[in-house]
């Protein structure tokens, strides 16, 4: 009997490893067809004054990064640990190496989401595949948040970090077991919490909300939270405060958006700001909200059917269906997602990529509800295996078909982007200091995993324009070693080749 269980576990593990490798290969292919873009070139330079200084200098030392991040904190924003990593990668790591690292990070993200969904339950390859399917189809602006170097580190990597930080809180939420090495965990939680808070505004807010919710829930249940739970909250709050109160945000709001007073602007333009916040959020995350609602309806109906023929009072039945404290984990992840969005309620800017953490936390919430459905469905084990196998096949086939479509678009745009970069490098290598790009370039805008979207960004923001003094033009000149750079090429968007 034990041998059969062991063989079954080994086969189960092979499925996990095999699917993880498939996801790695998929994202490696897409990463390999993703060029550096705007912000990647910006952070190759020492950050000074207003993004691109009068005399831009490429990062060439740790001291350069220190100067760059000090200026960044004062004139642009407070995500210093994140952008330090970005500048180190752009300075030291070849793009091919980053492609491998970033693809591994996608796999790690899925593994962590699966842990938060399935902790305390038996392994489920169906849930594992479903989580990666949701990550593939439902993440906002995946071409930036999961492929581009600067934006991946800012969004996906920070979300991964806070999910790691939240592991002990997730365990504490549902497990009666106490941690053996509480003192060691208390020591490590201090820097972990500090950096979790200082990761990014949405990720820090989401992780802070979860840490507070878990601790408050334990207190409500008259359980004593361990000291490390409090330390995590305190130092996370400290890191988040250092980030959000950076002077650079006020300077950026004034110079970039023309908003000298953020709070006054939020009050004066409350309707417009909140309308944009809600509109962008709903447009980007409605599939996740819909999945959660549908899953809850199915779960409620299953529980209602269970008590349909009992002699219990209706009030007791309702309490068993709706008042079960088992809804706490999924509810907490939804609240964390909301917290990561609410922090932008006074911000003069809000774009879909800021919703990455919210999307991941909603994915976890949906996954927990679906895990409950699988546990509570009153059907035979053989039928469960049949249903989940069919659903897994649908997930794998739909992702595979979409990957082929997205890869073709990304590959086509990559060939145009590398042609432009090679043209610039060729002119510089020939001794030309005033680089001029000519030709015709039609970028495909129909894919979800390509930066080239006609309704998102104009091509002069990506490749510069006619004016050599334009910020993007000066950025390209500094990056490639030219005195000036002018883009005279005919660039346009197309929906098909």
Protein backbone atom coordinates (compact mmCIF):
# COMPACT_ATOMS: atom_id res chain seq x y z
CA UNK A 1 0.00 0.00 0.00
CA UNK A 2 2.78 2.40 0.91
CA UNK A 3 4.54 1.64 -2.39
CA UNK A 4 1.41 2.60 -4.33
CA UNK A 5 1.13 5.88 -2.43
CA UNK A 6 4.82 6.59 -3.02
CA UNK A 7 4.53 5.91 -6.76
CA UNK A 8 1.42 8.11 -6.97
CA UNK A 9 3.22 10.95 -5.19
CA UNK A 10 6.20 10.62 -7.55
CA UNK A 11 3.93 10.79 -10.61
CA UNK A 12 2.13 13.77 -9.10
CA UNK A 13 5.45 15.53 -8.53
CA UNK A 14 6.54 14.84 -12.11
CA UNK A 15 3.40 16.62 -13.35
CA UNK A 16 4.24 19.66 -11.20
CA UNK A 17 7.85 19.76 -12.42
CA UNK A 18 6.88 19.19 -16.05
CA UNK A 19 4.26 21.93 -16.10
CA UNK A 20 6.61 24.33 -14.28
CA UNK A 21 9.22 23.70 -16.97
CA UNK A 22 6.63 24.34 -19.69
CA UNK A 23 5.76 27.71 -18.14
CA UNK A 24 9.46 28.55 -17.86
CA UNK A 25 10.00 27.80 -21.55
CA UNK A 26 6.95 29.84 -22.58
CA UNK A 27 8.10 32.95 -20.75
CA UNK A 28 11.71 32.44 -21.80
CA UNK A 29 10.59 32.52 -25.43
CA UNK A 30 8.60 35.71 -24.85
CA UNK A 31 11.38 37.34 -22.81
CA UNK A 32 13.83 36.58 -25.61
CA UNK A 33 11.55 38.51 -27.98
CA UNK A 34 11.24 41.57 -25.74
CA UNK A 35 13.54 44.53 -26.36
CA UNK A 36 14.63 47.09 -23.81
CA UNK A 37 12.21 50.01 -23.82
CA UNK A 38 11.90 53.55 -22.47
CA UNK A 39 12.50 53.07 -18.72
CA UNK A 40 15.21 50.46 -19.29
CA UNK A 41 17.27 53.04 -21.16
CA UNK A 42 16.51 55.67 -18.52
CA UNK A 43 17.85 53.53 -15.67
CA UNK A 44 21.04 52.74 -17.55
CA UNK A 45 21.91 56.37 -16.86
CA UNK A 46 22.70 58.11 -13.61
CA UNK A 47 19.39 59.57 -12.47
CA UNK A 48 19.87 63.32 -12.14
CA UNK A 49 17.59 66.33 -11.97
CA UNK A 50 14.63 65.55 -14.24
CA UNK A 51 14.98 62.00 -15.58
CA UNK A 52 17.45 62.84 -18.38
CA UNK A 53 19.93 65.48 -17.29
CA UNK A 54 21.64 68.03 -19.52
CA UNK A 55 24.76 65.85 -19.61
CA UNK A 56 23.62 62.26 -19.04
CA UNK A 57 26.16 59.71 -17.79
CA UNK A 58 25.87 55.91 -18.06
CA UNK A 59 26.03 53.91 -14.83
CA UNK A 60 29.51 52.42 -14.47
CA UNK A 61 29.99 51.83 -10.72
CA UNK A 62 28.26 51.25 -7.40
CA UNK A 63 28.96 54.89 -6.55
CA UNK A 64 27.08 55.94 -9.69
CA UNK A 65 24.05 53.94 -8.52
CA UNK A 66 24.29 55.52 -5.07
CA UNK A 67 24.27 59.04 -6.59
CA UNK A 68 21.50 57.99 -8.98
CA UNK A 69 19.23 56.63 -6.23
CA UNK A 70 19.86 59.60 -3.96
CA UNK A 71 18.73 61.89 -6.76
CA UNK A 72 15.85 59.54 -7.55
CA UNK A 73 14.54 59.78 -3.97
CA UNK A 74 14.66 63.58 -4.08
CA UNK A 75 13.21 64.28 -7.53
CA UNK A 76 11.21 61.24 -8.72
CA UNK A 77 10.12 58.57 -6.21
CA UNK A 78 10.92 56.42 -3.19
CA UNK A 79 11.29 52.89 -4.61
CA UNK A 80 15.01 52.87 -3.93
CA UNK A 81 15.62 49.13 -3.29
CA UNK A 82 13.68 48.20 -6.43
CA UNK A 83 15.42 50.67 -8.72
CA UNK A 84 18.79 49.80 -7.24
CA UNK A 85 18.16 46.23 -8.42
CA UNK A 86 17.04 47.57 -11.81
CA UNK A 87 20.23 49.59 -12.29
CA UNK A 88 22.42 46.68 -11.15
CA UNK A 89 20.74 44.37 -13.67
CA UNK A 90 21.02 46.86 -16.52
CA UNK A 91 24.67 47.53 -15.70
CA UNK A 92 25.96 44.03 -14.92
CA UNK A 93 23.62 41.43 -16.44
CA UNK A 94 23.34 40.50 -20.09
CA UNK A 95 19.78 40.54 -21.45
CA UNK A 96 19.95 36.79 -22.15
CA UNK A 97 20.75 36.11 -18.50
CA UNK A 98 17.89 38.37 -17.39
CA UNK A 99 15.53 36.47 -19.70
CA UNK A 100 16.33 33.26 -17.80
CA UNK A 101 16.03 34.91 -14.37
CA UNK A 102 12.75 36.62 -15.22
CA UNK A 103 11.24 33.42 -16.61
CA UNK A 104 12.18 31.63 -13.39
CA UNK A 105 10.51 34.45 -11.44
CA UNK A 106 7.22 33.79 -13.25
CA UNK A 107 7.40 30.15 -12.17
CA UNK A 108 8.21 31.24 -8.61
CA UNK A 109 5.21 33.60 -8.64
CA UNK A 110 2.91 30.73 -9.59
CA UNK A 111 4.42 28.46 -6.94
CA UNK A 112 3.92 31.06 -4.23
CA UNK A 113 0.36 31.78 -5.33
CA UNK A 114 -0.30 28.03 -5.24
CA UNK A 115 1.14 27.81 -1.71
CA UNK A 116 -1.12 30.63 -0.51
CA UNK A 117 -4.11 28.95 -2.17
CA UNK A 118 -3.50 25.35 -1.19
CA UNK A 119 -1.74 25.50 2.17
CA UNK A 120 -3.03 22.78 4.50
CA UNK A 121 -4.55 20.70 1.68
CA UNK A 122 -3.44 17.79 -0.45
CA UNK A 123 -1.49 18.61 -3.57
CA UNK A 124 -3.62 19.48 -6.58
CA UNK A 125 -2.09 19.66 -10.04
CA UNK A 126 -5.42 21.07 -11.28
CA UNK A 127 -5.15 24.10 -8.98
CA UNK A 128 -1.51 24.54 -9.97
CA UNK A 129 -2.35 24.62 -13.67
CA UNK A 130 -5.40 26.83 -13.07
CA UNK A 131 -3.30 29.42 -11.22
CA UNK A 132 -0.80 29.70 -14.08
CA UNK A 133 -3.69 29.91 -16.54
CA UNK A 134 -5.09 32.87 -14.61
CA UNK A 135 -1.63 34.45 -14.48
CA UNK A 136 -1.33 34.08 -18.24
CA UNK A 137 -4.71 35.51 -19.19
CA UNK A 138 -5.67 37.92 -16.41
CA UNK A 139 -2.57 39.91 -15.36
CA UNK A 140 -2.83 43.64 -16.25
CA UNK A 141 -0.34 44.81 -18.88
CA UNK A 142 1.67 41.54 -18.87
CA UNK A 143 3.98 42.85 -21.60
CA UNK A 144 5.31 45.29 -18.98
CA UNK A 145 4.70 43.62 -15.64
CA UNK A 146 6.02 40.17 -16.65
CA UNK A 147 8.48 40.78 -19.51
CA UNK A 148 10.03 44.24 -19.51
CA UNK A 149 13.03 44.49 -17.16
CA UNK A 150 12.26 47.68 -15.26
CA UNK A 151 8.54 47.07 -14.93
CA UNK A 152 8.91 43.37 -14.09
CA UNK A 153 11.18 44.20 -11.15
CA UNK A 154 8.81 46.99 -10.06
CA UNK A 155 5.65 44.89 -10.24
CA UNK A 156 6.13 41.13 -10.49
CA UNK A 157 9.33 40.84 -8.45
CA UNK A 158 7.99 42.99 -5.61
CA UNK A 159 4.79 40.93 -5.53
CA UNK A 160 6.86 37.75 -5.31
CA UNK A 161 8.83 39.23 -2.44
CA UNK A 162 5.75 40.15 -0.38
CA UNK A 163 4.22 36.71 -0.98
CA UNK A 164 7.40 35.23 0.51
CA UNK A 165 7.19 37.66 3.43
CA UNK A 166 3.56 36.66 4.03
CA UNK A 167 4.25 32.90 4.20
CA UNK A 168 4.43 32.79 8.04
CA UNK A 169 1.27 34.93 8.30
CA UNK A 170 -0.55 32.55 5.91
CA UNK A 171 0.52 29.60 8.04
CA UNK A 172 -0.46 31.42 11.23
CA UNK A 173 -3.91 32.18 9.83
CA UNK A 174 -5.09 28.58 9.50
CA UNK A 175 -2.63 26.43 11.44
CA UNK A 176 -2.84 25.69 15.14
CA UNK A 177 0.83 24.74 15.20
CA UNK A 178 3.31 27.20 16.64
CA UNK A 179 6.63 28.00 15.02
CA UNK A 180 9.58 26.28 16.68
CA UNK A 181 12.18 29.01 16.21
CA UNK A 182 10.21 32.13 17.14
CA UNK A 183 13.27 34.16 18.11
CA UNK A 184 15.01 33.43 14.80
CA UNK A 185 11.85 34.32 12.88
CA UNK A 186 11.51 37.53 14.91
CA UNK A 187 15.08 38.51 13.94
CA UNK A 188 14.59 37.78 10.25
CA UNK A 189 11.14 39.36 10.04
CA UNK A 190 12.62 42.81 10.79
CA UNK A 191 14.60 43.26 7.53
CA UNK A 192 12.05 41.19 5.58
CA UNK A 193 9.19 43.40 6.75
CA UNK A 194 11.14 46.60 6.23
CA UNK A 195 11.92 45.69 2.61
CA UNK A 196 8.38 44.40 2.03
CA UNK A 197 7.08 47.81 3.02
CA UNK A 198 9.73 49.50 0.88
CA UNK A 199 9.03 47.28 -2.15
CA UNK A 200 6.34 49.20 -4.03
CA UNK A 201 3.28 51.16 -2.96
CA UNK A 202 0.66 48.54 -3.95
CA UNK A 203 2.67 45.48 -2.87
CA UNK A 204 3.60 47.11 0.44
CA UNK A 205 -0.01 48.11 1.10
CA UNK A 206 -1.29 44.60 0.28
CA UNK A 207 1.25 42.84 2.50
CA UNK A 208 0.67 45.32 5.32
CA UNK A 209 -3.08 44.76 5.13
CA UNK A 210 -2.62 40.99 5.32
CA UNK A 211 -0.23 41.16 8.29
CA UNK A 212 -2.64 43.44 10.18
CA UNK A 213 -5.71 41.34 9.30
CA UNK A 214 -4.13 38.08 10.43
CA UNK A 215 -2.92 39.60 13.70
CA UNK A 216 -6.30 41.24 14.40
CA UNK A 217 -8.13 38.01 13.58
CA UNK A 218 -6.04 36.09 16.10
CA UNK A 219 -6.75 38.70 18.75
CA UNK A 220 -10.48 38.46 18.00
CA UNK A 221 -10.26 34.69 18.41
CA UNK A 222 -8.57 35.35 21.77
CA UNK A 223 -5.30 33.88 20.60
CA UNK A 224 -1.99 35.51 21.36
CA UNK A 225 -0.10 36.52 18.18
CA UNK A 226 3.66 35.87 18.37
CA UNK A 227 6.02 38.81 18.76
CA UNK A 228 7.32 38.40 15.21
CA UNK A 229 3.82 39.16 13.86
CA UNK A 230 3.91 42.59 15.52
CA UNK A 231 7.51 43.23 14.47
CA UNK A 232 6.65 42.46 10.85
CA UNK A 233 3.85 45.03 10.90
CA UNK A 234 5.94 47.74 12.59
CA UNK A 235 8.93 47.46 10.30
CA UNK A 236 6.79 47.02 7.20
CA UNK A 237 5.02 50.28 8.08
CA UNK A 238 8.40 51.97 8.59
CA UNK A 239 9.66 50.85 5.17
CA UNK A 240 6.43 51.90 3.46
CA UNK A 241 6.54 55.33 5.13
CA UNK A 242 10.11 55.93 3.96
CA UNK A 243 9.00 55.14 0.43
CA UNK A 244 5.72 57.07 0.18
CA UNK A 245 7.02 60.21 1.91
CA UNK A 246 9.94 60.59 -0.49
CA UNK A 247 10.26 64.25 -1.56
CA UNK A 248 10.54 63.06 -5.16
CA UNK A 249 6.83 62.26 -5.39
CA UNK A 250 5.92 65.89 -4.71
CA UNK A 251 8.51 67.11 -7.19
CA UNK A 252 7.27 64.62 -9.80
CA UNK A 253 3.63 65.61 -9.25
CA UNK A 254 4.52 69.28 -9.68
CA UNK A 255 6.85 69.07 -12.69
CA UNK A 256 5.44 66.05 -14.49
CA UNK A 257 1.71 66.46 -13.86
CA UNK A 258 1.50 70.14 -12.98
CA UNK A 259 0.07 69.33 -9.53
CA UNK A 260 1.88 71.39 -6.85
CA UNK A 261 -0.38 70.09 -4.05
CA UNK A 262 -1.47 66.45 -4.36
CA UNK A 263 -4.07 66.55 -1.57
CA UNK A 264 -5.68 69.75 -2.84
CA UNK A 265 -5.73 68.35 -6.36
CA UNK A 266 -7.38 65.16 -5.07
CA UNK A 267 -10.11 67.18 -3.35
CA UNK A 268 -10.66 69.51 -6.32
CA UNK A 269 -10.73 66.64 -8.83
CA UNK A 270 -12.23 63.93 -6.63
CA UNK A 271 -14.83 62.78 -9.15
CA UNK A 272 -12.41 62.56 -12.08
CA UNK A 273 -9.68 60.78 -10.10
CA UNK A 274 -12.00 58.22 -8.52
CA UNK A 275 -13.81 57.65 -11.80
CA UNK A 276 -10.50 56.88 -13.50
CA UNK A 277 -9.41 54.69 -10.57
CA UNK A 278 -12.62 52.65 -10.68
CA UNK A 279 -12.72 52.54 -14.48
CA UNK A 280 -9.15 51.29 -14.93
CA UNK A 281 -9.57 48.79 -12.08
CA UNK A 282 -12.83 47.34 -13.39
CA UNK A 283 -11.60 47.18 -16.99
CA UNK A 284 -8.42 45.37 -15.94
CA UNK A 285 -9.71 43.09 -13.18
CA UNK A 286 -13.33 42.29 -14.09
CA UNK A 287 -12.47 38.69 -15.11
CA UNK A 288 -11.03 38.05 -11.65
CA UNK A 289 -14.03 39.59 -9.88
CA UNK A 290 -16.36 37.56 -12.09
CA UNK A 291 -14.49 34.33 -11.33
CA UNK A 292 -14.69 35.01 -7.59
CA UNK A 293 -18.43 35.76 -7.76
CA UNK A 294 -19.22 32.67 -9.86
CA UNK A 295 -17.08 30.46 -7.60
CA UNK A 296 -18.83 31.80 -4.50
CA UNK A 297 -22.26 31.16 -6.03
CA UNK A 298 -21.29 27.56 -6.82
CA UNK A 299 -19.90 27.07 -3.31
CA UNK A 300 -23.03 28.53 -1.68
CA UNK A 301 -25.28 26.29 -3.78
CA UNK A 302 -23.25 23.21 -2.85
CA UNK A 303 -23.58 24.04 0.83
CA UNK A 304 -27.28 24.81 0.43
CA UNK A 305 -27.88 21.44 -1.24
CA UNK A 306 -26.10 19.71 1.64
CA UNK A 307 -28.61 21.06 4.15
CA UNK A 308 -31.67 20.93 1.87
CA UNK A 309 -33.25 17.89 3.53
CA UNK A 310 -32.20 18.52 7.11
CA UNK A 311 -34.50 19.47 9.98
CA UNK A 312 -32.32 22.38 11.03
CA UNK A 313 -33.87 25.79 11.42
CA UNK A 314 -33.41 28.12 8.43
CA UNK A 315 -31.37 30.50 10.60
CA UNK A 316 -28.99 27.69 11.53
CA UNK A 317 -28.65 26.61 7.90
CA UNK A 318 -27.90 30.19 6.81
CA UNK A 319 -25.27 30.44 9.51
CA UNK A 320 -23.61 27.24 8.32
CA UNK A 321 -23.67 28.43 4.70
CA UNK A 322 -22.74 32.09 5.07
CA UNK A 323 -21.34 32.48 8.57
CA UNK A 324 -18.56 29.96 8.38
CA UNK A 325 -15.23 31.45 9.41
CA UNK A 326 -13.60 29.36 6.69
CA UNK A 327 -14.27 32.26 4.32
CA UNK A 328 -11.68 34.30 6.19
CA UNK A 329 -8.59 33.55 4.05
CA UNK A 330 -10.21 34.37 0.71
CA UNK A 331 -11.86 37.47 2.18
CA UNK A 332 -8.52 38.68 3.51
CA UNK A 333 -6.86 38.37 0.09
CA UNK A 334 -9.68 40.37 -1.51
CA UNK A 335 -9.28 43.08 1.15
CA UNK A 336 -5.52 43.14 0.45
CA UNK A 337 -6.23 43.57 -3.27
CA UNK A 338 -8.56 46.48 -2.49
CA UNK A 339 -5.95 48.03 -0.18
CA UNK A 340 -3.36 47.95 -2.97
CA UNK A 341 -5.74 50.00 -5.14
CA UNK A 342 -7.19 52.40 -2.55
CA UNK A 343 -3.78 53.92 -1.87
CA UNK A 344 -4.01 55.58 -5.29
CA UNK A 345 -7.22 57.41 -4.36
CA UNK A 346 -5.37 60.76 -4.27
CA UNK A 347 -2.77 60.03 -6.94
CA UNK A 348 -2.80 62.20 -10.09
CA UNK A 349 -1.83 59.10 -12.09
CA UNK A 350 -3.21 55.56 -12.21
CA UNK A 351 -2.41 53.02 -14.94
CA UNK A 352 -3.21 49.29 -15.27
CA UNK A 353 0.25 48.00 -14.33
CA UNK A 354 -0.28 49.34 -10.80
CA UNK A 355 -2.92 46.61 -10.44
CA UNK A 356 -0.53 43.68 -10.71
CA UNK A 357 -0.47 42.96 -6.95
CA UNK A 358 -4.25 43.28 -6.79
CA UNK A 359 -4.64 40.79 -9.64
CA UNK A 360 -2.36 38.26 -7.93
CA UNK A 361 -4.18 38.56 -4.59
CA UNK A 362 -7.54 38.14 -6.35
CA UNK A 363 -6.13 35.07 -8.12
CA UNK A 364 -5.25 33.59 -4.74
CA UNK A 365 -8.71 34.37 -3.38
CA UNK A 366 -10.40 32.73 -6.38
CA UNK A 367 -8.10 29.73 -6.05
CA UNK A 368 -9.03 29.21 -2.38
CA UNK A 369 -12.73 29.26 -3.19
CA UNK A 370 -12.27 26.77 -6.05
CA UNK A 371 -10.24 24.53 -3.72
CA UNK A 372 -13.20 24.53 -1.30
CA UNK A 373 -15.58 23.58 -4.14
CA UNK A 374 -13.41 20.58 -5.02
CA UNK A 375 -13.35 19.52 -1.36
CA UNK A 376 -17.06 19.91 -0.72
CA UNK A 377 -18.53 18.70 -4.01
CA UNK A 378 -20.52 15.56 -3.24
CA UNK A 379 -19.37 13.51 -6.22
CA UNK A 380 -17.28 10.39 -6.56
CA UNK A 381 -13.50 10.65 -6.66
CA UNK A 382 -13.45 9.15 -10.15
CA UNK A 383 -15.84 11.84 -11.39
CA UNK A 384 -13.71 14.55 -9.76
CA UNK A 385 -10.63 13.24 -11.58
CA UNK A 386 -12.52 13.21 -14.88
CA UNK A 387 -13.81 16.77 -14.48
CA UNK A 388 -10.46 18.19 -13.35
CA UNK A 389 -8.63 16.35 -16.15
CA UNK A 390 -10.96 17.89 -18.74
CA UNK A 391 -10.53 21.33 -17.20
CA UNK A 392 -6.74 20.92 -17.10
CA UNK A 393 -6.71 20.00 -20.79
CA UNK A 394 -8.80 23.07 -21.59
CA UNK A 395 -6.40 25.28 -19.63
CA UNK A 396 -3.26 23.83 -21.23
CA UNK A 397 -4.66 23.91 -24.78
CA UNK A 398 -6.02 27.46 -24.47
CA UNK A 399 -2.72 28.75 -23.06
CA UNK A 400 -0.69 26.92 -25.72
CA UNK A 401 -2.79 28.26 -28.59
CA UNK A 402 -2.57 31.80 -27.21
CA UNK A 403 1.19 31.46 -26.68
CA UNK A 404 1.70 30.70 -30.37
CA UNK A 405 -0.36 33.76 -31.32
CA UNK A 406 1.42 36.05 -28.85
CA UNK A 407 4.88 34.74 -29.74
CA UNK A 408 4.39 35.45 -33.45
CA UNK A 409 3.44 39.07 -32.70
CA UNK A 410 6.25 39.56 -30.16
CA UNK A 411 8.77 38.01 -32.54
CA UNK A 412 7.72 40.28 -35.40
CA UNK A 413 7.94 43.44 -33.29
CA UNK A 414 11.24 42.28 -31.81
CA UNK A 415 12.74 41.99 -35.30
CA UNK A 416 11.76 45.62 -36.00
CA UNK A 417 13.07 46.84 -32.65
CA UNK A 418 16.43 45.08 -33.00
CA UNK A 419 16.73 46.39 -36.57
CA UNK A 420 16.40 49.95 -35.25
CA UNK A 421 18.91 49.32 -32.44
CA UNK A 422 21.38 47.72 -34.86
CA UNK A 423 20.99 50.70 -37.18
CA UNK A 424 21.91 53.06 -34.34
CA UNK A 425 24.89 50.91 -33.30
CA UNK A 426 26.08 50.67 -36.89
CA UNK A 427 26.09 54.45 -37.36
CA UNK A 428 27.93 54.98 -34.07
CA UNK A 429 30.52 52.30 -34.95
CA UNK A 430 31.16 54.13 -38.22
CA UNK A 431 32.04 57.27 -36.27
CA UNK A 432 28.78 59.11 -36.82
CA UNK A 433 27.94 61.27 -33.83
CA UNK A 434 24.66 62.61 -35.18
CA UNK A 435 22.52 59.50 -35.61
CA UNK A 436 19.46 59.63 -37.88
CA UNK A 437 16.99 56.75 -38.20
CA UNK A 438 15.08 56.39 -41.48
CA UNK A 439 12.86 53.78 -43.09
CA UNK A 440 9.36 52.39 -42.56
CA UNK A 441 8.31 50.41 -39.50
CA UNK A 442 4.82 49.02 -38.92
CA UNK A 443 4.48 47.55 -35.42
CA UNK A 444 1.76 45.03 -34.64
CA UNK A 445 -0.52 46.23 -31.85
CA UNK A 446 -2.95 43.30 -31.57
CA UNK A 447 -1.16 41.20 -28.93
CA UNK A 448 -1.38 41.37 -25.13
CA UNK A 449 2.33 40.61 -24.66
CA UNK A 450 3.68 43.43 -26.81
CA UNK A 451 4.42 47.01 -25.70
CA UNK A 452 3.28 48.31 -29.07
CA UNK A 453 -0.36 49.27 -28.50
CA UNK A 454 -1.85 52.19 -30.41
CA UNK A 455 -4.26 52.98 -27.58
CA UNK A 456 -1.55 52.90 -24.91
CA UNK A 457 1.53 54.80 -26.02
CA UNK A 458 2.61 56.80 -29.07
CA UNK A 459 5.65 55.56 -30.95
CA UNK A 460 7.63 58.77 -30.39
CA UNK A 461 7.55 57.98 -26.64
CA UNK A 462 9.24 54.65 -27.41
CA UNK A 463 11.61 55.64 -30.24
CA UNK A 464 11.85 59.43 -30.05
CA UNK A 465 10.99 62.00 -32.70
CA UNK A 466 12.39 64.77 -34.88
CA UNK A 467 13.61 67.02 -32.07
CA UNK A 468 17.14 66.05 -30.89
CA UNK A 469 16.45 67.91 -27.61
CA UNK A 470 13.40 65.75 -26.85
CA UNK A 471 13.93 63.70 -23.68
CA UNK A 472 13.67 60.31 -25.44
CA UNK A 473 16.06 61.44 -28.19
CA UNK A 474 18.67 62.56 -25.64
CA UNK A 475 18.21 59.28 -23.80
CA UNK A 476 19.01 57.23 -26.92
CA UNK A 477 21.99 59.41 -27.78
CA UNK A 478 23.44 58.94 -24.28
CA UNK A 479 22.83 55.19 -24.27
CA UNK A 480 24.43 54.50 -27.64
CA UNK A 481 27.29 57.01 -27.41
CA UNK A 482 26.07 59.57 -29.96
CA UNK A 483 25.95 63.36 -29.67
CA UNK A 484 22.44 63.61 -31.10
CA UNK A 485 19.72 61.22 -32.19
CA UNK A 486 16.85 61.96 -34.57
CA UNK A 487 14.07 59.62 -35.63
CA UNK A 488 12.90 60.43 -39.16
CA UNK A 489 11.51 56.96 -39.79
CA UNK A 490 7.90 56.41 -40.73
CA UNK A 491 6.51 54.54 -37.75
CA UNK A 492 2.93 53.34 -37.42
CA UNK A 493 0.74 50.72 -35.80
CA UNK A 494 -0.90 47.85 -37.64
CA UNK A 495 -3.26 45.04 -36.57
CA UNK A 496 -1.80 42.50 -38.97
CA UNK A 497 1.38 42.01 -41.00
